[in-house]
PDB file of N, CA and C in Angstrom:
ATOM      1  N   VAL A   1      20.849 -13.955 -29.004  1.00  0.00           N
ATOM      2  CA  VAL A   1      19.949 -15.046 -28.146  1.00  0.00           C
ATOM      3  C   VAL A   1      20.433 -16.206 -28.443  1.00  0.00           C
ATOM      4  N   ASP A   2      20.433 -16.928 -27.453  1.00  0.00           N
ATOM      5  CA  ASP A   2      20.886 -18.372 -27.273  1.00  0.00           C
ATOM      6  C   ASP A   2      19.713 -19.367 -27.860  1.00  0.00           C
ATOM      7  N   ARG A   3      18.771 -18.924 -27.227  1.00  0.00           N
ATOM      8  CA  ARG A   3      17.211 -19.938 -27.376  1.00  0.00           C
ATOM      9  C   ARG A   3      16.210 -19.087 -26.968  1.00  0.00           C
ATOM     10  N   VAL A   4      15.187 -19.348 -27.887  1.00  0.00           N
ATOM     11  CA  VAL A   4      13.991 -18.788 -27.685  1.00  0.00           C
ATOM     12  C   VAL A   4      13.086 -20.050 -27.601  1.00  0.00           C
ATOM     13  N   ILE A   5      12.304 -20.049 -26.266  1.00  0.00           N
ATOM     14  CA  ILE A   5      11.240 -20.931 -26.094  1.00  0.00           C
ATOM     15  C   ILE A   5      10.188 -20.618 -26.217  1.00  0.00           C
ATOM     16  N   SER A   6       9.100 -21.629 -27.084  1.00  0.00           N
ATOM     17  CA  SER A   6       7.636 -20.804 -27.378  1.00  0.00           C
ATOM     18  C   SER A   6       6.818 -21.988 -26.237  1.00  0.00           C
ATOM     19  N   CYS A   7       6.284 -21.457 -25.495  1.00  0.00           N
ATOM     20  CA  CYS A   7       5.349 -22.349 -24.842  1.00  0.00           C
ATOM     21  C   CYS A   7       3.783 -21.806 -24.935  1.00  0.00           C
ATOM     22  N   ILE A   8       2.927 -22.592 -25.462  1.00  0.00           N
ATOM     23  CA  ILE A   8       1.451 -22.175 -25.672  1.00  0.00           C
ATOM     24  C   ILE A   8       0.539 -22.704 -25.212  1.00  0.00           C
ATOM     25  N   GLY A   9      -0.504 -22.213 -24.613  1.00  0.00           N
ATOM     26  CA  GLY A   9      -1.880 -22.947 -24.153  1.00  0.00           C
ATOM     27  C   GLY A   9      -2.414 -21.826 -23.473  1.00  0.00           C
ATOM     28  N   TRP A  10      -3.792 -22.250 -23.184  1.00  0.00           N
ATOM     29  CA  TRP A  10      -4.735 -21.414 -22.565  1.00  0.00           C
ATOM     30  C   TRP A  10      -4.205 -21.050 -20.944  1.00  0.00           C
ATOM     31  N   ARG A  11      -3.779 -21.720 -20.260  1.00  0.00           N
ATOM     32  CA  ARG A  11      -3.478 -21.439 -19.112  1.00  0.00           C
ATOM     33  C   ARG A  11      -1.670 -21.434 -19.014  1.00  0.00           C
ATOM     34  N   PRO A  12      -1.141 -20.565 -18.229  1.00  0.00           N
ATOM     35  CA  PRO A  12       0.234 -20.615 -18.080  1.00  0.00           C
ATOM     36  C   PRO A  12       0.856 -21.611 -17.651  1.00  0.00           C
ATOM     37  N   SER A  13       2.008 -22.313 -18.224  1.00  0.00           N
ATOM     38  CA  SER A  13       2.672 -23.425 -17.362  1.00  0.00           C
ATOM     39  C   SER A  13       3.875 -22.841 -17.336  1.00  0.00           C
ATOM     40  N   TYR A  14       4.575 -22.926 -16.430  1.00  0.00           N
ATOM     41  CA  TYR A  14       5.666 -22.695 -15.762  1.00  0.00           C
ATOM     42  C   TYR A  14       6.711 -23.812 -15.675  1.00  0.00           C
ATOM     43  N   ALA A  15       6.240 -24.741 -16.123  1.00  0.00           N
ATOM     44  CA  ALA A  15       6.867 -26.255 -15.925  1.00  0.00           C
ATOM     45  C   ALA A  15       8.468 -26.228 -16.286  1.00  0.00           C
ATOM     46  N   CYS A  16       8.470 -25.440 -17.590  1.00  0.00           N
ATOM     47  CA  CYS A  16       9.808 -25.143 -17.882  1.00  0.00           C
ATOM     48  C   CYS A  16      10.975 -24.283 -17.275  1.00  0.00           C
ATOM     49  N   CYS A  17      10.392 -23.505 -16.332  1.00  0.00           N
ATOM     50  CA  CYS A  17      11.251 -22.767 -15.498  1.00  0.00           C
ATOM     51  C   CYS A  17      11.087 -23.042 -14.111  1.00  0.00           C
ATOM     52  N   SER A  18      10.506 -24.024 -13.885  1.00  0.00           N
ATOM     53  CA  SER A  18      10.140 -24.269 -12.357  1.00  0.00           C
ATOM     54  C   SER A  18      11.118 -24.171 -11.508  1.00  0.00           C
ATOM     55  N   GLU A  19      12.396 -24.474 -11.891  1.00  0.00           N
ATOM     56  CA  GLU A  19      13.675 -24.428 -10.919  1.00  0.00           C
ATOM     57  C   GLU A  19      14.197 -22.973 -10.803  1.00  0.00           C
ATOM     58  N   LEU A  20      13.463 -21.870 -11.454  1.00  0.00           N
ATOM     59  CA  LEU A  20      13.802 -20.513 -11.460  1.00  0.00           C
ATOM     60  C   LEU A  20      13.158 -19.910 -10.019  1.00  0.00           C
ATOM     61  N   PRO A  21      13.634 -19.415  -9.039  1.00  0.00           N
ATOM     62  CA  PRO A  21      13.533 -18.519  -8.036  1.00  0.00           C
ATOM     63  C   PRO A  21      12.088 -17.596  -8.599  1.00  0.00           C
ATOM     64  N   LEU A  22      11.079 -17.415  -9.541  1.00  0.00           N
ATOM     65  CA  LEU A  22      10.084 -16.674  -9.825  1.00  0.00           C
ATOM     66  C   LEU A  22       9.340 -16.258  -8.966  1.00  0.00           C
ATOM     67  N   GLU A  23       9.012 -15.039  -8.469  1.00  0.00           N
ATOM     68  CA  GLU A  23       7.984 -14.391  -7.768  1.00  0.00           C
ATOM     69  C   GLU A  23       6.504 -14.337  -8.996  1.00  0.00           C
ATOM     70  N   LEU A  24       5.390 -14.836  -8.829  1.00  0.00           N
ATOM     71  CA  LEU A  24       4.265 -14.670  -9.780  1.00  0.00           C
ATOM     72  C   LEU A  24       3.266 -14.046  -8.636  1.00  0.00           C
ATOM     73  N   ASP A  25       2.529 -13.453  -9.159  1.00  0.00           N
ATOM     74  CA  ASP A  25       1.374 -13.050  -8.682  1.00  0.00           C
ATOM     75  C   ASP A  25       0.347 -14.045  -8.454  1.00  0.00           C
ATOM     76  N   GLY A  26      -0.309 -13.702  -7.306  1.00  0.00           N
ATOM     77  CA  GLY A  26      -1.123 -15.020  -6.800  1.00  0.00           C
ATOM     78  C   GLY A  26      -2.433 -14.868  -7.285  1.00  0.00           C
ATOM     79  N   VAL A  27      -2.847 -13.825  -8.129  1.00  0.00           N
ATOM     80  CA  VAL A  27      -4.053 -13.751  -8.633  1.00  0.00           C
ATOM     81  C   VAL A  27      -4.394 -14.148  -9.967  1.00  0.00           C
ATOM     82  N   TRP A  28      -3.363 -13.526 -10.696  1.00  0.00           N
ATOM     83  CA  TRP A  28      -3.157 -13.747 -12.426  1.00  0.00           C
ATOM     84  C   TRP A  28      -2.319 -14.819 -12.840  1.00  0.00           C
ATOM     85  N   GLU A  29      -1.390 -15.371 -11.965  1.00  0.00           N
ATOM     86  CA  GLU A  29      -0.142 -16.147 -12.325  1.00  0.00           C
ATOM     87  C   GLU A  29       0.676 -15.628 -13.262  1.00  0.00           C
ATOM     88  N   ALA A  30       0.920 -14.297 -13.087  1.00  0.00           N
ATOM     89  CA  ALA A  30       1.618 -13.536 -13.913  1.00  0.00           C
ATOM     90  C   ALA A  30       2.843 -13.227 -12.998  1.00  0.00           C
ATOM     91  N   PRO A  31       4.357 -12.809 -13.853  1.00  0.00           N
ATOM     92  CA  PRO A  31       5.176 -12.192 -12.996  1.00  0.00           C
ATOM     93  C   PRO A  31       4.716 -11.162 -11.971  1.00  0.00           C
ATOM     94  N   ALA A  32       5.159 -11.252 -11.025  1.00  0.00           N
ATOM     95  CA  ALA A  32       4.764 -10.239  -9.781  1.00  0.00           C
ATOM     96  C   ALA A  32       4.257  -8.799 -10.083  1.00  0.00           C
ATOM     97  N   ALA A  33       5.506  -8.510 -10.575  1.00  0.00           N
ATOM     98  CA  ALA A  33       5.284  -6.767 -10.961  1.00  0.00           C
ATOM     99  C   ALA A  33       4.208  -6.629 -12.183  1.00  0.00           C
ATOM    100  N   LEU A  34       4.119  -7.296 -12.872  1.00  0.00           N
ATOM    101  CA  LEU A  34       3.092  -7.226 -14.090  1.00  0.00           C
ATOM    102  C   LEU A  34       1.683  -7.531 -13.646  1.00  0.00           C
ATOM    103  N   GLY A  35       1.555  -8.878 -12.741  1.00  0.00           N
ATOM    104  CA  GLY A  35       0.283  -9.313 -12.171  1.00  0.00           C
ATOM    105  C   GLY A  35      -0.248  -8.000 -11.342  1.00  0.00           C
ATOM    106  N   ARG A  36       0.602  -7.386 -10.395  1.00  0.00           N
ATOM    107  CA  ARG A  36       0.356  -6.080  -9.768  1.00  0.00           C
ATOM    108  C   ARG A  36      -0.350  -5.133 -10.466  1.00  0.00           C
ATOM    109  N   ALA A  37       0.232  -4.608 -11.635  1.00  0.00           N
ATOM    110  CA  ALA A  37      -0.136  -3.845 -12.609  1.00  0.00           C
ATOM    111  C   ALA A  37      -1.417  -3.934 -13.273  1.00  0.00           C
ATOM    112  N   LEU A  38      -1.681  -5.136 -13.630  1.00  0.00           N
ATOM    113  CA  LEU A  38      -3.039  -5.520 -14.134  1.00  0.00           C
ATOM    114  C   LEU A  38      -4.151  -5.575 -13.460  1.00  0.00           C
ATOM    115  N   SER A  39      -3.644  -5.871 -11.938  1.00  0.00           N
ATOM    116  CA  SER A  39      -4.975  -6.065 -11.152  1.00  0.00           C
ATOM    117  C   SER A  39      -5.289  -4.318 -10.569  1.00  0.00           C
ATOM    118  N   ALA A  40      -4.216  -3.409 -10.825  1.00  0.00           N
ATOM    119  CA  ALA A  40      -4.319  -2.101 -10.610  1.00  0.00           C
ATOM    120  C   ALA A  40      -4.997  -1.150 -11.723  1.00  0.00           C
ATOM    121  N   SER A  41      -4.880  -1.757 -12.845  1.00  0.00           N
ATOM    122  CA  SER A  41      -5.158  -0.710 -14.171  1.00  0.00           C
ATOM    123  C   SER A  41      -6.728  -0.860 -14.209  1.00  0.00           C
ATOM    124  N   HIS A  42      -7.195  -1.943 -14.052  1.00  0.00           N
ATOM    125  CA  HIS A  42      -8.691  -2.437 -14.285  1.00  0.00           C
ATOM    126  C   HIS A  42      -8.838  -1.896 -15.668  1.00  0.00           C
ATOM    127  N   ASN A  43      -7.957  -2.293 -16.524  1.00  0.00           N
ATOM    128  CA  ASN A  43      -7.985  -2.248 -17.859  1.00  0.00           C
ATOM    129  C   ASN A  43      -7.759  -3.760 -18.385  1.00  0.00           C
ATOM    130  N   VAL A  44      -9.084  -3.931 -19.044  1.00  0.00           N
ATOM    131  CA  VAL A  44      -9.135  -5.398 -19.298  1.00  0.00           C
ATOM    132  C   VAL A  44      -8.927  -5.632 -21.107  1.00  0.00           C
ATOM    133  N   SER A  45      -8.380  -4.507 -21.765  1.00  0.00           N
ATOM    134  CA  SER A  45      -8.274  -4.270 -23.186  1.00  0.00           C
ATOM    135  C   SER A  45      -6.830  -4.788 -23.238  1.00  0.00           C
ATOM    136  N   GLY A  46      -5.880  -5.020 -22.214  1.00  0.00           N
ATOM    137  CA  GLY A  46      -4.502  -5.381 -22.658  1.00  0.00           C
ATOM    138  C   GLY A  46      -3.506  -4.591 -23.067  1.00  0.00           C
ATOM    139  N   LEU A  47      -3.852  -3.454 -23.453  1.00  0.00           N
ATOM    140  CA  LEU A  47      -2.760  -2.312 -23.642  1.00  0.00           C
ATOM    141  C   LEU A  47      -3.101  -1.445 -22.370  1.00  0.00           C
ATOM    142  N   GLY A  48      -1.930  -0.723 -22.055  1.00  0.00           N
ATOM    143  CA  GLY A  48      -2.081   0.132 -20.782  1.00  0.00           C
ATOM    144  C   GLY A  48      -0.661  -0.118 -20.235  1.00  0.00           C
ATOM    145  N   PRO A  49      -0.549   0.192 -18.661  1.00  0.00           N
ATOM    146  CA  PRO A  49       0.792   0.128 -18.320  1.00  0.00           C
ATOM    147  C   PRO A  49       1.188  -1.082 -18.228  1.00  0.00           C
ATOM    148  N   ALA A  50       0.670  -2.281 -18.428  1.00  0.00           N
ATOM    149  CA  ALA A  50       1.361  -3.475 -18.092  1.00  0.00           C
ATOM    150  C   ALA A  50       1.835  -3.996 -19.606  1.00  0.00           C
ATOM    151  N   ALA A  51       1.313  -3.162 -20.612  1.00  0.00           N
ATOM    152  CA  ALA A  51       2.105  -3.808 -21.918  1.00  0.00           C
ATOM    153  C   ALA A  51       3.306  -2.346 -22.375  1.00  0.00           C
ATOM    154  N   ALA A  52       3.197  -1.355 -21.504  1.00  0.00           N
ATOM    155  CA  ALA A  52       4.059  -0.120 -22.054  1.00  0.00           C
ATOM    156  C   ALA A  52       5.061   0.059 -21.305  1.00  0.00           C
ATOM    157  N   ASN A  53       5.251  -0.550 -19.909  1.00  0.00           N
ATOM    158  CA  ASN A  53       6.349  -0.243 -19.183  1.00  0.00           C
ATOM    159  C   ASN A  53       7.414  -1.398 -18.712  1.00  0.00           C
ATOM    160  N   ALA A  54       8.454  -1.200 -19.450  1.00  0.00           N
ATOM    161  CA  ALA A  54       9.610  -2.217 -19.552  1.00  0.00           C
ATOM    162  C   ALA A  54       9.980  -2.468 -18.142  1.00  0.00           C
ATOM    163  N   SER A  55       9.950  -1.625 -17.153  1.00  0.00           N
ATOM    164  CA  SER A  55      10.255  -2.352 -15.548  1.00  0.00           C
ATOM    165  C   SER A  55       9.393  -3.491 -15.393  1.00  0.00           C
ATOM    166  N   LEU A  56       8.037  -3.631 -15.871  1.00  0.00           N
ATOM    167  CA  LEU A  56       7.295  -4.530 -15.423  1.00  0.00           C
ATOM    168  C   LEU A  56       7.709  -5.964 -16.127  1.00  0.00           C
ATOM    169  N   LEU A  57       8.385  -5.963 -17.044  1.00  0.00           N
ATOM    170  CA  LEU A  57       9.041  -7.311 -17.756  1.00  0.00           C
ATOM    171  C   LEU A  57       9.936  -7.882 -16.886  1.00  0.00           C
ATOM    172  N   LEU A  58      10.666  -7.287 -15.835  1.00  0.00           N
ATOM    173  CA  LEU A  58      11.771  -7.910 -14.956  1.00  0.00           C
ATOM    174  C   LEU A  58      11.329  -8.771 -14.276  1.00  0.00           C
ATOM    175  N   THR A  59      12.071  -9.641 -14.039  1.00  0.00           N
ATOM    176  CA  THR A  59      11.676 -10.800 -12.838  1.00  0.00           C
ATOM    177  C   THR A  59      12.823 -10.880 -11.960  1.00  0.00           C
ATOM    178  N   SER A  60      12.382 -11.481 -11.083  1.00  0.00           N
ATOM    179  CA  SER A  60      13.156 -12.009  -9.701  1.00  0.00           C
ATOM    180  C   SER A  60      14.329 -12.869 -10.426  1.00  0.00           C
ATOM    181  N   GLU A  61      14.438 -13.355 -11.383  1.00  0.00           N
ATOM    182  CA  GLU A  61      15.608 -13.946 -12.079  1.00  0.00           C
ATOM    183  C   GLU A  61      16.383 -12.949 -13.159  1.00  0.00           C
ATOM    184  N   PRO A  62      17.807 -12.890 -12.898  1.00  0.00           N
ATOM    185  CA  PRO A  62      18.403 -12.049 -13.911  1.00  0.00           C
ATOM    186  C   PRO A  62      18.489 -12.706 -15.302  1.00  0.00           C
ATOM    187  N   ASN A  63      18.162 -11.910 -16.029  1.00  0.00           N
ATOM    188  CA  ASN A  63      18.030 -11.881 -17.756  1.00  0.00           C
ATOM    189  C   ASN A  63      17.121 -12.767 -17.962  1.00  0.00           C
ATOM    190  N   PHE A  64      15.944 -13.090 -17.204  1.00  0.00           N
ATOM    191  CA  PHE A  64      15.084 -14.122 -17.652  1.00  0.00           C
ATOM    192  C   PHE A  64      13.572 -13.092 -17.847  1.00  0.00           C
ATOM    193  N   TYR A  65      13.023 -13.153 -18.819  1.00  0.00           N
ATOM    194  CA  TYR A  65      11.582 -12.347 -19.166  1.00  0.00           C
ATOM    195  C   TYR A  65      10.885 -13.168 -19.866  1.00  0.00           C
ATOM    196  N   ILE A  66       9.442 -13.104 -19.434  1.00  0.00           N
ATOM    197  CA  ILE A  66       8.335 -13.550 -19.628  1.00  0.00           C
ATOM    198  C   ILE A  66       7.665 -12.563 -20.508  1.00  0.00           C
ATOM    199  N   LEU A  67       7.190 -12.782 -21.641  1.00  0.00           N
ATOM    200  CA  LEU A  67       6.703 -12.011 -22.823  1.00  0.00           C
ATOM    201  C   LEU A  67       5.302 -12.554 -23.411  1.00  0.00           C
ATOM    202  N   GLY A  68       4.573 -11.791 -24.056  1.00  0.00           N
ATOM    203  CA  GLY A  68       3.402 -12.320 -24.515  1.00  0.00           C
ATOM    204  C   GLY A  68       2.008 -12.831 -23.817  1.00  0.00           C
ATOM    205  N   ALA A  69       1.577 -13.719 -24.226  1.00  0.00           N
ATOM    206  CA  ALA A  69       0.166 -14.073 -23.607  1.00  0.00           C
ATOM    207  C   ALA A  69       0.488 -14.878 -22.166  1.00  0.00           C
ATOM    208  N   LYS A  70       1.723 -15.416 -22.155  1.00  0.00           N
ATOM    209  CA  LYS A  70       1.852 -16.237 -20.674  1.00  0.00           C
ATOM    210  C   LYS A  70       2.341 -15.092 -19.614  1.00  0.00           C
ATOM    211  N   SER A  71       2.831 -14.188 -20.272  1.00  0.00           N
ATOM    212  CA  SER A  71       3.286 -12.962 -19.071  1.00  0.00           C
ATOM    213  C   SER A  71       1.969 -12.311 -18.546  1.00  0.00           C
ATOM    214  N   TYR A  72       0.674 -12.343 -19.225  1.00  0.00           N
ATOM    215  CA  TYR A  72      -0.510 -11.964 -18.579  1.00  0.00           C
ATOM    216  C   TYR A  72      -1.208 -13.116 -17.616  1.00  0.00           C
ATOM    217  N   GLY A  73      -0.362 -14.129 -17.674  1.00  0.00           N
ATOM    218  CA  GLY A  73      -0.945 -15.260 -16.613  1.00  0.00           C
ATOM    219  C   GLY A  73      -2.304 -15.798 -17.184  1.00  0.00           C
ATOM    220  N   ARG A  74      -3.061 -15.491 -16.042  1.00  0.00           N
ATOM    221  CA  ARG A  74      -4.750 -16.017 -16.540  1.00  0.00           C
ATOM    222  C   ARG A  74      -5.574 -14.836 -16.604  1.00  0.00           C
ATOM    223  N   HIS A  75      -4.982 -13.384 -16.839  1.00  0.00           N
ATOM    224  CA  HIS A  75      -5.724 -12.401 -17.014  1.00  0.00           C
ATOM    225  C   HIS A  75      -6.280 -12.343 -18.322  1.00  0.00           C
ATOM    226  N   PRO A  76      -7.486 -12.162 -18.910  1.00  0.00           N
ATOM    227  CA  PRO A  76      -8.148 -12.330 -19.983  1.00  0.00           C
ATOM    228  C   PRO A  76      -7.822 -11.189 -21.141  1.00  0.00           C
ATOM    229  N   GLY A  77      -7.179 -10.147 -20.642  1.00  0.00           N
ATOM    230  CA  GLY A  77      -6.893  -9.046 -21.496  1.00  0.00           C
ATOM    231  C   GLY A  77      -5.782  -8.784 -22.625  1.00  0.00           C
ATOM    232  N   PHE A  78      -5.017 -10.204 -22.850  1.00  0.00           N
ATOM    233  CA  PHE A  78      -3.866 -10.008 -23.664  1.00  0.00           C
ATOM    234  C   PHE A  78      -4.432  -9.737 -25.097  1.00  0.00           C
ATOM    235  N   LEU A  79      -3.485  -8.565 -25.616  1.00  0.00           N
ATOM    236  CA  LEU A  79      -3.657  -8.507 -27.067  1.00  0.00           C
ATOM    237  C   LEU A  79      -2.375  -8.507 -27.775  1.00  0.00           C
ATOM    238  N   PHE A  80      -2.353  -9.186 -28.845  1.00  0.00           N
ATOM    239  CA  PHE A  80      -1.057  -9.158 -29.824  1.00  0.00           C
ATOM    240  C   PHE A  80      -0.321  -7.894 -29.728  1.00  0.00           C
ATOM    241  N   ALA A  81      -0.889  -6.761 -29.929  1.00  0.00           N
ATOM    242  CA  ALA A  81      -0.174  -5.339 -29.487  1.00  0.00           C
ATOM    243  C   ALA A  81       0.435  -5.225 -28.587  1.00  0.00           C
ATOM    244  N   ALA A  82      -0.114  -5.606 -27.299  1.00  0.00           N
ATOM    245  CA  ALA A  82       0.557  -5.440 -26.098  1.00  0.00           C
ATOM    246  C   ALA A  82       1.670  -6.401 -26.352  1.00  0.00           C
ATOM    247  N   GLY A  83       1.733  -7.525 -26.839  1.00  0.00           N
ATOM    248  CA  GLY A  83       3.005  -8.456 -26.841  1.00  0.00           C
ATOM    249  C   GLY A  83       4.179  -7.669 -27.753  1.00  0.00           C
ATOM    250  N   LEU A  84       3.692  -7.041 -28.843  1.00  0.00           N
ATOM    251  CA  LEU A  84       4.317  -6.279 -30.136  1.00  0.00           C
ATOM    252  C   LEU A  84       5.312  -5.014 -28.586  1.00  0.00           C
ATOM    253  N   GLN A  85       4.118  -4.417 -28.164  1.00  0.00           N
ATOM    254  CA  GLN A  85       4.915  -3.519 -27.164  1.00  0.00           C
ATOM    255  C   GLN A  85       6.040  -3.965 -26.258  1.00  0.00           C
ATOM    256  N   GLN A  86       5.594  -5.422 -25.598  1.00  0.00           N
ATOM    257  CA  GLN A  86       6.474  -5.920 -24.869  1.00  0.00           C
ATOM    258  C   GLN A  86       7.933  -5.993 -25.687  1.00  0.00           C
ATOM    259  N   ILE A  87       7.952  -6.482 -26.748  1.00  0.00           N
ATOM    260  CA  ILE A  87       9.337  -6.791 -27.465  1.00  0.00           C
ATOM    261  C   ILE A  87       9.993  -5.287 -27.545  1.00  0.00           C
ATOM    262  N   ARG A  88       9.078  -4.427 -27.920  1.00  0.00           N
ATOM    263  CA  ARG A  88      10.012  -3.138 -27.849  1.00  0.00           C
ATOM    264  C   ARG A  88      10.627  -2.604 -26.440  1.00  0.00           C
ATOM    265  N   ALA A  89       9.777  -2.834 -25.507  1.00  0.00           N
ATOM    266  CA  ALA A  89      10.205  -2.728 -24.236  1.00  0.00           C
ATOM    267  C   ALA A  89      11.625  -3.416 -23.692  1.00  0.00           C
ATOM    268  N   LEU A  90      11.497  -4.746 -23.994  1.00  0.00           N
ATOM    269  CA  LEU A  90      12.434  -5.615 -23.608  1.00  0.00           C
ATOM    270  C   LEU A  90      14.083  -5.414 -24.576  1.00  0.00           C
ATOM    271  N   PHE A  91      13.778  -5.155 -25.755  1.00  0.00           N
ATOM    272  CA  PHE A  91      15.147  -4.688 -26.403  1.00  0.00           C
ATOM    273  C   PHE A  91      15.450  -3.502 -26.164  1.00  0.00           C
ATOM    274  N   SER A  92      14.643  -2.646 -25.353  1.00  0.00           N
ATOM    275  CA  SER A  92      15.304  -1.170 -24.645  1.00  0.00           C
ATOM    276  C   SER A  92      15.957  -1.719 -23.571  1.00  0.00           C
ATOM    277  N   ILE A  93      15.567  -2.618 -22.969  1.00  0.00           N
ATOM    278  CA  ILE A  93      16.107  -2.963 -21.115  1.00  0.00           C
ATOM    279  C   ILE A  93      17.641  -3.619 -21.949  1.00  0.00           C
ATOM    280  N   ILE A  94      17.419  -4.696 -22.856  1.00  0.00           N
ATOM    281  CA  ILE A  94      18.804  -5.411 -23.285  1.00  0.00           C
ATOM    282  C   ILE A  94      19.642  -4.455 -23.646  1.00  0.00           C
ATOM    283  N   GLY A  95      19.284  -3.262 -24.594  1.00  0.00           N
ATOM    284  CA  GLY A  95      20.114  -2.378 -25.404  1.00  0.00           C
ATOM    285  C   GLY A  95      20.634  -1.479 -24.529  1.00  0.00           C
ATOM    286  N   GLU A  96      20.011  -1.444 -23.297  1.00  0.00           N
ATOM    287  CA  GLU A  96      20.137  -0.099 -22.475  1.00  0.00           C
ATOM    288  C   GLU A  96      19.984   1.134 -23.031  1.00  0.00           C
ATOM    289  N   ARG A  97      18.725   1.289 -23.857  1.00  0.00           N
ATOM    290  CA  ARG A  97      18.828   2.608 -24.944  1.00  0.00           C
ATOM    291  C   ARG A  97      17.160   2.652 -24.718  1.00  0.00           C
ATOM    292  N   ALA A  98      16.762   3.414 -23.913  1.00  0.00           N
ATOM    293  CA  ALA A  98      15.285   3.930 -23.777  1.00  0.00           C
ATOM    294  C   ALA A  98      14.575   4.365 -24.749  1.00  0.00           C
ATOM    295  N   ASP A  99      15.497   4.896 -26.006  1.00  0.00           N
ATOM    296  CA  ASP A  99      14.980   5.519 -27.072  1.00  0.00           C
ATOM    297  C   ASP A  99      14.862   4.302 -28.276  1.00  0.00           C
ATOM    298  N   LEU A 100      15.512   2.995 -27.789  1.00  0.00           N
ATOM    299  CA  LEU A 100      15.320   2.207 -29.129  1.00  0.00           C
ATOM    300  C   LEU A 100      14.021   1.763 -29.217  1.00  0.00           C
ATOM    301  N   ASP A 101      13.789   1.526 -30.821  1.00  0.00           N
ATOM    302  CA  ASP A 101      12.462   1.301 -31.346  1.00  0.00           C
ATOM    303  C   ASP A 101      12.848   0.345 -32.441  1.00  0.00           C
ATOM    304  N   LEU A 102      12.809  -0.954 -32.371  1.00  0.00           N
ATOM    305  CA  LEU A 102      13.306  -1.595 -33.399  1.00  0.00           C
ATOM    306  C   LEU A 102      12.087  -1.549 -34.571  1.00  0.00           C
ATOM    307  N   TYR A 103      11.075  -1.209 -34.452  1.00  0.00           N
ATOM    308  CA  TYR A 103      10.133  -0.926 -35.339  1.00  0.00           C
ATOM    309  C   TYR A 103       9.953   0.556 -35.968  1.00  0.00           C
ATOM    310  N   ALA A 104      10.850   1.149 -35.761  1.00  0.00           N
ATOM    311  CA  ALA A 104      10.848   2.561 -36.161  1.00  0.00           C
ATOM    312  C   ALA A 104      11.604   2.527 -37.875  1.00  0.00           C
ATOM    313  N   THR A 105      12.257   1.620 -38.001  1.00  0.00           N
ATOM    314  CA  THR A 105      12.744   1.644 -39.207  1.00  0.00           C
ATOM    315  C   THR A 105      12.392   0.340 -40.162  1.00  0.00           C
ATOM    316  N   ALA A 106      11.314  -0.667 -39.448  1.00  0.00           N
ATOM    317  CA  ALA A 106      11.013  -1.808 -40.272  1.00  0.00           C
ATOM    318  C   ALA A 106       9.939  -1.341 -41.277  1.00  0.00           C
ATOM    319  N   PRO A 107      10.013  -2.059 -42.568  1.00  0.00           N
ATOM    320  CA  PRO A 107       9.223  -1.866 -43.637  1.00  0.00           C
ATOM    321  C   PRO A 107       7.869  -1.962 -43.114  1.00  0.00           C
ATOM    322  N   GLN A 108       7.165  -0.734 -43.928  1.00  0.00           N
ATOM    323  CA  GLN A 108       5.507  -1.051 -43.349  1.00  0.00           C
ATOM    324  C   GLN A 108       5.026  -1.797 -44.582  1.00  0.00           C
ATOM    325  N   ARG A 109       4.082  -2.639 -44.225  1.00  0.00           N
ATOM    326  CA  ARG A 109       3.198  -3.563 -44.811  1.00  0.00           C
ATOM    327  C   ARG A 109       1.877  -2.787 -45.556  1.00  0.00           C
ATOM    328  N   VAL A 110       1.866  -2.761 -46.617  1.00  0.00           N
ATOM    329  CA  VAL A 110       0.924  -2.178 -47.738  1.00  0.00           C
ATOM    330  C   VAL A 110      -0.017  -3.166 -48.391  1.00  0.00           C
ATOM    331  N   ASP A 111      -0.928  -3.290 -47.816  1.00  0.00           N
ATOM    332  CA  ASP A 111      -2.199  -3.989 -48.615  1.00  0.00           C
ATOM    333  C   ASP A 111      -2.683  -3.554 -49.932  1.00  0.00           C
TER     334      ASP A 111
END
């Protein structure tokens, strides 16, 4: 990774990537494929196809991904667990290994 840019806020701002030819969903202001999945799923819990499907993380800009709350745009259903699933999915794309799970060998937290 060369850079990680963290932009937070209630409504997504794409100012940092405004020069990129990104296709955004007109309803949720999310990346197009993810926005369509959010609209089609009727699932407001944040988990489901939008969190688990790695292909929905792809944007029209090569090697540019939008993860976390910003990826859900204005959709109210984002959960932290969905963000973790997106990270898993992204690393399986980058590593070109569908079975890659970075959390499989991570130490488990015991309280």
